[in-house]
Amino acid sequence: MSKIDEVQNTVKSTPGLGKKMAKYGAIGAVVAIPIPFVGPVLGALVGAGVAYAKRND
């Protein structure tokens, strides 16, 4: 099983994780808007990653 499949399964099996990742991703994108072009994309990825990392909290 690849890491991508593992992450997808974790998101599907953890109630509310997808919503939390979307929320953190949006916050990360907004915070990173001042950085030209790639800022919002990287901010969203980092935000979703933080939510995924904190899934057990």
C-alpha atoms as a PDB file:
ATOM      1  CA  MET A   1       0.000   0.000   0.000  1.00  0.00           C
ATOM      2  CA  SER A   2       1.370   3.401  -0.951  1.00  0.00           C
ATOM      3  CA  LYS A   3       1.533   6.375   1.388  1.00  0.00           C
ATOM      4  CA  ILE A   4      -1.186   8.118  -0.655  1.00  0.00           C
ATOM      5  CA  ASP A   5      -3.555   5.180  -0.170  1.00  0.00           C
ATOM      6  CA  GLU A   6      -2.710   5.116   3.533  1.00  0.00           C
ATOM      7  CA  VAL A   7      -3.525   8.829   3.910  1.00  0.00           C
ATOM      8  CA  GLN A   8      -6.794   8.439   1.963  1.00  0.00           C
ATOM      9  CA  ASN A   9      -7.855   5.525   4.143  1.00  0.00           C
ATOM     10  CA  THR A  10      -7.000   7.451   7.300  1.00  0.00           C
ATOM     11  CA  VAL A  11      -9.044  10.459   6.147  1.00  0.00           C
ATOM     12  CA  LYS A  12     -11.998   8.220   5.253  1.00  0.00           C
ATOM     13  CA  SER A  13     -11.897   6.308   8.529  1.00  0.00           C
ATOM     14  CA  THR A  14     -11.444   9.318  10.848  1.00  0.00           C
ATOM     15  CA  PRO A  15     -14.665  11.277  11.360  1.00  0.00           C
ATOM     16  CA  GLY A  16     -14.230  14.999  10.773  1.00  0.00           C
ATOM     17  CA  LEU A  17     -10.620  14.788   9.583  1.00  0.00           C
ATOM     18  CA  GLY A  18     -11.469  15.832   6.014  1.00  0.00           C
ATOM     19  CA  LYS A  19     -13.318  18.915   7.255  1.00  0.00           C
ATOM     20  CA  LYS A  20     -10.492  19.781   9.648  1.00  0.00           C
ATOM     21  CA  MET A  21      -7.924  19.429   6.840  1.00  0.00           C
ATOM     22  CA  ALA A  22     -10.030  21.695   4.601  1.00  0.00           C
ATOM     23  CA  LYS A  23     -10.347  24.296   7.374  1.00  0.00           C
ATOM     24  CA  TYR A  24      -6.633  24.305   8.182  1.00  0.00           C
ATOM     25  CA  GLY A  25      -5.832  24.343   4.460  1.00  0.00           C
ATOM     26  CA  ALA A  26      -8.009  27.422   3.937  1.00  0.00           C
ATOM     27  CA  ILE A  27      -6.405  29.178   6.895  1.00  0.00           C
ATOM     28  CA  GLY A  28      -2.946  28.333   5.562  1.00  0.00           C
ATOM     29  CA  ALA A  29      -3.852  29.670   2.119  1.00  0.00           C
ATOM     30  CA  VAL A  30      -5.147  32.945   3.549  1.00  0.00           C
ATOM     31  CA  VAL A  31      -2.069  33.419   5.724  1.00  0.00           C
ATOM     32  CA  ALA A  32       0.244  32.776   2.745  1.00  0.00           C
ATOM     33  CA  ILE A  33      -1.522  35.121   0.278  1.00  0.00           C
ATOM     34  CA  PRO A  34       1.212  37.807   0.501  1.00  0.00           C
ATOM     35  CA  ILE A  35       3.733  35.371  -1.004  1.00  0.00           C
ATOM     36  CA  PRO A  36       3.443  35.655  -4.808  1.00  0.00           C
ATOM     37  CA  PHE A  37       1.897  32.803  -6.836  1.00  0.00           C
ATOM     38  CA  VAL A  38       2.826  29.669  -4.855  1.00  0.00           C
ATOM     39  CA  GLY A  39       2.070  31.120  -1.418  1.00  0.00           C
ATOM     40  CA  PRO A  40      -1.603  30.122  -1.175  1.00  0.00           C
ATOM     41  CA  VAL A  41      -0.955  26.663  -2.633  1.00  0.00           C
ATOM     42  CA  LEU A  42       1.893  25.915  -0.247  1.00  0.00           C
ATOM     43  CA  GLY A  43      -0.053  27.437   2.643  1.00  0.00           C
ATOM     44  CA  ALA A  44      -3.008  25.176   1.924  1.00  0.00           C
ATOM     45  CA  LEU A  45      -0.766  22.116   1.732  1.00  0.00           C
ATOM     46  CA  VAL A  46       0.959  22.985   4.985  1.00  0.00           C
ATOM     47  CA  GLY A  47      -2.367  23.667   6.697  1.00  0.00           C
ATOM     48  CA  ALA A  48      -3.837  20.348   5.572  1.00  0.00           C
ATOM     49  CA  GLY A  49      -0.631  18.603   6.637  1.00  0.00           C
ATOM     50  CA  VAL A  50      -0.868  20.133  10.100  1.00  0.00           C
ATOM     51  CA  ALA A  51      -4.462  18.941  10.458  1.00  0.00           C
ATOM     52  CA  TYR A  52      -3.452  15.445   9.319  1.00  0.00           C
ATOM     53  CA  ALA A  53      -0.518  15.379  11.722  1.00  0.00           C
ATOM     54  CA  LYS A  54      -2.762  16.457  14.619  1.00  0.00           C
ATOM     55  CA  ARG A  55      -5.498  13.914  13.766  1.00  0.00           C
ATOM     56  CA  ASN A  56      -5.059  12.028  17.050  1.00  0.00           C
ATOM     57  CA  ASP A  57      -5.399  15.120  19.259  1.00  0.00           C
END
